[in-house]
Protein backbone atom coordinates (compact mmCIF):
# COMPACT_ATOMS: atom_id res chain seq x y z
CA MET A 1 185.18 -92.79 198.14
CA SER A 2 186.10 -95.93 196.30
CA ALA A 3 183.37 -98.31 197.42
CA GLU A 4 181.24 -95.87 199.37
CA ARG A 5 177.83 -95.04 198.01
CA VAL A 6 176.94 -91.35 198.00
CA PHE A 7 173.33 -90.47 198.78
CA VAL A 8 171.63 -87.15 198.22
CA GLU A 9 170.43 -85.85 201.54
CA THR A 10 166.93 -84.43 201.72
CA ALA A 11 165.39 -81.84 204.00
CA ALA A 12 164.41 -84.63 206.42
CA GLY A 13 168.07 -85.65 206.67
CA ARG A 14 167.57 -89.13 205.25
CA PRO A 15 169.08 -90.36 201.98
CA LYS A 16 166.56 -90.39 199.12
CA SER A 17 166.99 -94.14 198.68
CA GLU A 18 165.67 -94.79 202.21
CA ARG A 19 162.61 -92.51 202.04
CA PRO A 20 159.08 -93.78 201.39
CA ILE A 21 157.67 -93.37 197.90
CA THR A 22 155.01 -90.91 199.12
CA ALA A 23 157.75 -88.61 200.38
CA LEU A 24 159.55 -88.90 197.06
CA PHE A 25 156.36 -87.98 195.20
CA ALA A 26 155.84 -85.05 197.56
CA ASP A 27 159.39 -83.88 196.77
CA LEU A 28 158.69 -84.26 193.07
CA VAL A 29 155.54 -82.16 193.33
CA ASN A 30 157.31 -79.48 195.39
CA GLU A 31 160.31 -79.32 193.07
CA THR A 32 158.09 -79.24 189.98
CA SER A 33 156.06 -76.44 191.50
CA LEU A 34 159.23 -74.51 192.35
CA LEU A 35 160.60 -75.03 188.85
CA PHE A 36 157.32 -73.83 187.33
CA ARG A 37 157.33 -70.68 189.49
CA GLN A 38 160.92 -69.96 188.55
CA GLU A 39 160.14 -70.38 184.86
CA ILE A 40 157.24 -67.96 185.18
CA GLU A 41 159.48 -65.40 186.91
CA LEU A 42 162.07 -65.76 184.15
CA PHE A 43 159.33 -65.31 181.54
CA LYS A 44 158.12 -62.15 183.29
CA ALA A 45 161.64 -60.71 183.44
CA GLU A 46 162.34 -61.48 179.79
CA THR A 47 158.98 -60.09 178.70
CA ALA A 48 159.52 -56.87 180.64
CA ALA A 49 162.93 -56.42 179.02
CA ALA A 50 161.50 -57.11 175.55
CA VAL A 51 158.63 -54.66 176.06
CA SER A 52 161.10 -52.01 177.23
CA ARG A 53 163.25 -52.52 174.12
CA ALA A 54 160.18 -52.44 171.91
CA GLY A 55 159.05 -49.17 173.51
CA ARG A 56 162.42 -47.54 172.88
CA GLY A 57 162.37 -48.83 169.31
CA ALA A 58 158.87 -47.49 168.70
CA ALA A 59 159.86 -44.09 170.07
CA ALA A 60 162.90 -43.97 167.78
CA ILE A 61 160.71 -44.90 164.79
CA ALA A 62 158.19 -42.19 165.68
CA VAL A 63 160.86 -39.50 165.98
CA GLY A 64 162.45 -40.71 162.74
CA GLY A 65 159.05 -40.54 161.05
CA VAL A 66 158.55 -36.93 162.16
CA PHE A 67 161.96 -35.95 160.74
CA ALA A 68 161.26 -37.88 157.53
CA LEU A 69 157.97 -36.02 157.12
CA GLY A 70 159.75 -32.70 157.60
CA GLY A 71 162.36 -33.68 155.02
CA PHE A 72 159.68 -34.77 152.57
CA LEU A 73 157.82 -31.47 152.98
CA ALA A 74 161.06 -29.57 152.39
CA LEU A 75 161.63 -31.68 149.27
CA LEU A 76 158.15 -30.80 147.98
CA ALA A 77 158.82 -27.12 148.65
CA THR A 78 162.11 -27.41 146.76
CA ALA A 79 160.30 -29.00 143.81
CA ALA A 80 157.74 -26.19 143.81
CA LEU A 81 160.45 -23.52 143.98
CA ALA A 82 162.40 -25.17 141.17
CA LEU A 83 159.29 -25.34 139.00
CA ALA A 84 158.55 -21.68 139.86
CA ILE A 85 161.59 -20.70 137.78
CA VAL A 86 159.68 -21.51 134.57
CA LEU A 87 156.06 -21.13 135.77
CA PRO A 88 154.21 -18.70 138.03
CA PRO A 89 154.79 -19.68 141.70
CA TRP A 90 151.11 -20.48 142.35
CA LEU A 91 150.97 -22.81 139.36
CA ALA A 92 154.23 -24.54 140.35
CA ALA A 93 152.92 -25.17 143.88
CA LEU A 94 149.60 -26.43 142.48
CA ILE A 95 151.33 -28.88 140.11
CA VAL A 96 153.54 -30.27 142.90
CA ALA A 97 150.55 -30.60 145.23
CA ILE A 98 148.46 -32.45 142.60
CA ILE A 99 151.30 -34.88 141.86
CA ALA A 100 151.85 -35.52 145.60
CA LEU A 101 148.11 -36.11 146.15
CA ALA A 102 147.92 -38.46 143.15
CA ILE A 103 150.82 -40.54 144.51
CA ALA A 104 149.17 -40.58 147.94
CA ALA A 105 145.83 -41.71 146.45
CA VAL A 106 147.47 -44.60 144.57
CA LEU A 107 149.36 -45.72 147.69
CA LEU A 108 146.21 -45.50 149.83
CA LEU A 109 144.24 -47.62 147.35
CA ILE A 110 147.01 -50.23 147.26
CA GLY A 111 147.15 -50.29 151.06
CA LYS A 112 143.38 -50.59 151.36
CA SER A 113 143.29 -53.54 148.97
CA GLN A 114 146.02 -55.32 150.95
CA LEU A 115 144.20 -54.80 154.26
CA GLY A 116 140.85 -56.15 153.10
CA ALA A 117 139.28 -59.10 154.92
CA GLU A 118 139.86 -61.41 151.95
CA ALA A 119 143.57 -60.52 151.76
CA LEU A 120 144.10 -61.14 155.48
CA MET A 121 142.36 -64.53 155.59
CA PRO A 122 144.77 -67.28 156.67
CA ARG A 123 144.05 -69.62 153.75
CA ARG A 124 146.80 -72.16 154.45
CA THR A 125 145.75 -72.51 158.08
CA LEU A 126 142.09 -72.96 157.13
CA ASN A 127 143.04 -75.59 154.54
CA SER A 128 145.20 -77.38 157.09
CA LEU A 129 142.35 -77.38 159.61
CA ARG A 130 139.98 -78.82 157.01
CA GLU A 131 142.50 -81.56 156.25
CA ASP A 132 142.88 -82.29 159.98
CA LYS A 133 139.11 -82.51 160.35
CA ALA A 134 138.86 -84.93 157.43
CA TRP A 135 141.70 -87.04 158.87
CA LEU A 136 140.00 -87.17 162.27
CA LYS A 137 136.74 -88.29 160.67
CA GLU A 138 138.61 -91.09 158.92
CA GLN A 139 140.20 -92.17 162.20
CA VAL A 140 136.87 -92.31 164.07
């Protein structure tokens, strides 16, 4: 193989260097199309695997949330029982319930304010788009 020139054989059996340019372009189109289809198949496979992992993760979070809620309720009951040592049981339960509801109300108000339309507006993106528009006007 010292001075011999190695050619890549094509489906037609002729070296690529001896084929007409139209055949080479046809090969390019076919190979590009094949590559694109393979990339799409890889994307589908990776997406399916990611969705499967996300589903398992969401299920684990949901089950964990149920157990956390049960633990929190047991903690509230413990607080009411501990307070019942010095107060009547109905009053202890009422005090614990009012405190829990007050904390919940504060957290709900904070969450509502953070989910408002003004808080979710993508300000930096809008500013960037305005700058891009001004730049384009200058260029035209």
